[in-house]
Each structure stands twice: as C-alpha cells, then as structure tokens.
C-alpha cells in the first residue's frame, strides 16, 4: 500500500461549538470537506467528468435523483 505523510498547518476554522457551548468539537464532516477541497485543488487539471468519478471513488458519492416540480 502506498502511503504518504504530510505536515499541514490549519489556517481556517476546523472546530466548532456543538450543543455544549463550553467545548469545541472537531467534526468529521468539516475534516472530510477540507480533504475534498484540497483534493479538488490538487487535481484541477482533470476533466470535470474524471474529477467527479475519482473523487467519488475516494470519498464516496450520493446518487440523488431530484426532480423539481413545475409550478
């Protein structure tokens, strides 16, 4: 298995206050969103189709069939 190690500095808020306002929380959704953002940034040379496919393979994807009712 290929493994890379990186040293990173967080310069944007990554923790938030939850139900208990006295304690900070590290939320998995914030960390996953941050990883997705940087993955997209580093792979911006790919076509949109390839970018979405590879991102879905790495981070998972949801297939939503949303229909918007007409007015």
N, C-alpha and C. Protein backbone atom coordinates (compact mmCIF):
# COMPACT_ATOMS: atom_id res chain seq x y z
N UNK A 1 0.84 -1.17 0.00
CA UNK A 1 0.00 0.00 0.00
C UNK A 1 0.89 1.24 0.00
N UNK A 2 0.60 2.15 -0.89
CA UNK A 2 1.33 3.41 -0.96
C UNK A 2 0.88 4.32 0.17
N UNK A 3 1.83 4.91 0.84
CA UNK A 3 1.49 5.80 1.96
C UNK A 3 2.33 7.06 1.86
N UNK A 4 1.68 8.21 2.02
CA UNK A 4 2.35 9.50 2.03
C UNK A 4 2.12 10.15 3.38
N UNK A 5 3.08 10.93 3.81
CA UNK A 5 2.94 11.66 5.07
C UNK A 5 3.15 13.13 4.79
N UNK A 6 2.26 13.95 5.32
CA UNK A 6 2.31 15.39 5.10
C UNK A 6 2.25 16.12 6.44
N UNK A 7 2.91 17.24 6.51
CA UNK A 7 2.78 18.13 7.66
C UNK A 7 1.98 19.33 7.19
N UNK A 8 0.86 19.60 7.84
CA UNK A 8 -0.04 20.67 7.41
C UNK A 8 -0.29 21.65 8.54
N UNK A 9 -0.58 22.86 8.15
CA UNK A 9 -0.98 23.89 9.10
C UNK A 9 -2.40 24.30 8.77
N UNK A 10 -3.27 24.28 9.77
CA UNK A 10 -4.67 24.66 9.56
C UNK A 10 -4.78 26.16 9.72
N UNK A 11 -5.26 26.83 8.66
CA UNK A 11 -5.38 28.29 8.70
C UNK A 11 -6.83 28.76 8.64
N UNK A 12 -7.75 27.80 8.59
CA UNK A 12 -9.18 28.13 8.60
C UNK A 12 -9.83 27.41 9.78
N UNK A 13 -10.97 27.87 10.24
CA UNK A 13 -11.63 27.20 11.37
C UNK A 13 -11.96 25.75 11.04
N UNK A 14 -11.59 24.85 11.92
CA UNK A 14 -11.87 23.44 11.72
C UNK A 14 -12.68 22.88 12.88
N UNK A 15 -12.79 23.63 13.92
CA UNK A 15 -13.56 23.20 15.08
C UNK A 15 -14.75 24.14 15.26
N UNK A 16 -15.76 23.62 15.89
CA UNK A 16 -16.96 24.43 16.12
C UNK A 16 -17.53 24.06 17.47
N UNK A 17 -18.38 24.91 17.97
CA UNK A 17 -19.07 24.62 19.22
C UNK A 17 -20.33 23.84 18.88
N UNK A 18 -20.57 22.79 19.64
CA UNK A 18 -21.75 21.97 19.42
C UNK A 18 -22.83 22.32 20.43
N UNK A 19 -23.55 21.30 20.88
CA UNK A 19 -24.63 21.50 21.84
C UNK A 19 -24.10 22.06 23.16
N UNK A 20 -22.93 21.59 23.58
CA UNK A 20 -22.29 22.09 24.80
C UNK A 20 -21.41 23.27 24.40
N UNK A 21 -21.86 24.47 24.61
CA UNK A 21 -21.16 25.68 24.15
C UNK A 21 -19.81 25.90 24.83
N UNK A 22 -19.53 25.15 25.88
CA UNK A 22 -18.25 25.32 26.58
C UNK A 22 -17.12 24.52 25.94
N UNK A 23 -17.47 23.57 25.07
CA UNK A 23 -16.45 22.69 24.49
C UNK A 23 -16.42 22.82 22.98
N UNK A 24 -15.22 22.78 22.42
CA UNK A 24 -15.06 22.79 20.97
C UNK A 24 -15.10 21.35 20.47
N UNK A 25 -15.62 21.16 19.28
CA UNK A 25 -15.71 19.84 18.67
C UNK A 25 -14.97 19.83 17.34
N UNK A 26 -14.32 18.74 17.05
CA UNK A 26 -13.77 18.50 15.72
C UNK A 26 -14.78 17.63 15.00
N UNK A 27 -15.38 18.14 13.98
CA UNK A 27 -16.43 17.40 13.28
C UNK A 27 -15.86 16.67 12.07
N UNK A 28 -16.26 15.43 11.93
CA UNK A 28 -15.78 14.62 10.79
C UNK A 28 -16.19 15.25 9.47
N UNK A 29 -17.38 15.84 9.42
CA UNK A 29 -17.84 16.44 8.17
C UNK A 29 -16.96 17.62 7.77
N UNK A 30 -16.48 18.38 8.75
CA UNK A 30 -15.58 19.51 8.45
C UNK A 30 -14.24 19.00 7.92
N UNK A 31 -13.73 17.95 8.52
CA UNK A 31 -12.46 17.38 8.08
C UNK A 31 -12.60 16.77 6.68
N UNK A 32 -13.70 16.07 6.43
CA UNK A 32 -13.92 15.47 5.11
C UNK A 32 -14.08 16.55 4.05
N UNK A 33 -14.80 17.61 4.38
CA UNK A 33 -14.96 18.73 3.44
C UNK A 33 -13.64 19.38 3.11
N UNK A 34 -12.79 19.52 4.12
CA UNK A 34 -11.46 20.10 3.92
C UNK A 34 -10.61 19.21 3.02
N UNK A 35 -10.66 17.91 3.23
CA UNK A 35 -9.89 16.99 2.38
C UNK A 35 -10.40 17.01 0.95
N UNK A 36 -11.72 17.06 0.77
CA UNK A 36 -12.29 17.14 -0.57
C UNK A 36 -11.84 18.42 -1.28
N UNK A 37 -11.89 19.54 -0.56
CA UNK A 37 -11.49 20.82 -1.15
C UNK A 37 -10.06 20.75 -1.66
N UNK A 38 -9.12 20.27 -0.84
CA UNK A 38 -7.73 20.24 -1.25
C UNK A 38 -7.48 19.18 -2.31
N UNK A 39 -8.22 18.07 -2.27
CA UNK A 39 -8.08 17.06 -3.31
C UNK A 39 -8.47 17.66 -4.66
N UNK A 40 -9.61 18.39 -4.68
CA UNK A 40 -10.05 19.05 -5.92
C UNK A 40 -9.02 20.07 -6.39
N UNK A 41 -8.46 20.82 -5.45
CA UNK A 41 -7.48 21.83 -5.79
C UNK A 41 -6.24 21.20 -6.44
N UNK A 42 -5.79 20.10 -5.89
CA UNK A 42 -4.59 19.44 -6.40
C UNK A 42 -4.84 18.66 -7.70
N UNK A 43 -6.10 18.38 -8.00
CA UNK A 43 -6.42 17.60 -9.20
C UNK A 43 -7.26 18.40 -10.19
N UNK A 44 -7.13 19.70 -10.17
CA UNK A 44 -7.89 20.57 -11.05
C UNK A 44 -7.56 20.42 -12.52
N UNK A 45 -6.48 19.73 -12.83
CA UNK A 45 -6.10 19.51 -14.22
C UNK A 45 -6.96 18.44 -14.90
N UNK A 46 -7.71 17.66 -14.11
CA UNK A 46 -8.56 16.61 -14.68
C UNK A 46 -9.82 17.22 -15.29
N UNK A 47 -10.40 16.49 -16.23
CA UNK A 47 -11.69 16.94 -16.76
C UNK A 47 -12.72 16.81 -15.65
N UNK A 48 -13.81 17.55 -15.75
CA UNK A 48 -14.84 17.53 -14.72
C UNK A 48 -15.39 16.12 -14.51
N UNK A 49 -15.56 15.40 -15.59
CA UNK A 49 -16.07 14.02 -15.50
C UNK A 49 -15.12 13.13 -14.72
N UNK A 50 -13.82 13.18 -15.04
CA UNK A 50 -12.83 12.37 -14.33
C UNK A 50 -12.69 12.81 -12.89
N UNK A 51 -12.74 14.13 -12.67
CA UNK A 51 -12.62 14.66 -11.32
C UNK A 51 -13.74 14.12 -10.43
N UNK A 52 -14.97 14.18 -10.91
CA UNK A 52 -16.12 13.68 -10.14
C UNK A 52 -16.03 12.18 -9.91
N UNK A 53 -15.62 11.43 -10.92
CA UNK A 53 -15.52 9.98 -10.80
C UNK A 53 -14.48 9.59 -9.76
N UNK A 54 -13.28 10.16 -9.86
CA UNK A 54 -12.20 9.81 -8.93
C UNK A 54 -12.49 10.30 -7.51
N UNK A 55 -13.11 11.48 -7.39
CA UNK A 55 -13.48 11.98 -6.07
C UNK A 55 -14.52 11.06 -5.42
N UNK A 56 -15.48 10.60 -6.21
CA UNK A 56 -16.49 9.68 -5.70
C UNK A 56 -15.88 8.36 -5.25
N UNK A 57 -14.88 7.87 -5.96
CA UNK A 57 -14.21 6.63 -5.58
C UNK A 57 -13.47 6.79 -4.25
N UNK A 58 -12.88 7.96 -4.04
CA UNK A 58 -12.11 8.20 -2.82
C UNK A 58 -12.98 8.53 -1.61
N UNK A 59 -13.93 9.43 -1.79
CA UNK A 59 -14.68 9.98 -0.67
C UNK A 59 -16.12 9.49 -0.58
N UNK A 60 -16.56 8.76 -1.58
CA UNK A 60 -17.95 8.32 -1.62
C UNK A 60 -18.79 9.35 -2.36
N UNK A 61 -19.92 8.90 -2.81
CA UNK A 61 -20.81 9.80 -3.54
C UNK A 61 -22.24 9.42 -3.25
N UNK A 62 -23.11 10.36 -3.43
CA UNK A 62 -24.53 10.08 -3.27
C UNK A 62 -25.20 10.30 -4.60
N UNK A 63 -26.04 9.38 -4.95
CA UNK A 63 -26.79 9.50 -6.20
C UNK A 63 -28.19 9.95 -5.82
N UNK A 64 -28.45 11.19 -6.09
CA UNK A 64 -29.75 11.74 -5.77
C UNK A 64 -30.50 12.03 -7.05
N UNK A 65 -31.62 11.43 -7.21
CA UNK A 65 -32.49 11.72 -8.35
C UNK A 65 -33.53 12.72 -7.88
N UNK A 66 -33.20 13.96 -8.04
CA UNK A 66 -34.06 15.03 -7.56
C UNK A 66 -34.87 15.56 -8.72
N UNK A 67 -36.16 15.56 -8.55
CA UNK A 67 -36.99 16.17 -9.58
C UNK A 67 -37.63 17.42 -8.99
N UNK A 68 -37.57 18.47 -9.75
CA UNK A 68 -38.13 19.74 -9.31
C UNK A 68 -39.52 19.88 -9.93
N UNK A 69 -40.54 19.96 -9.08
CA UNK A 69 -41.88 20.07 -9.63
C UNK A 69 -42.07 21.39 -10.36
N UNK A 70 -42.83 21.35 -11.43
CA UNK A 70 -43.10 22.58 -12.17
C UNK A 70 -44.21 23.36 -11.48
N UNK A 71 -44.15 24.65 -11.58
CA UNK A 71 -45.16 25.50 -10.93
C UNK A 71 -46.36 25.71 -11.81
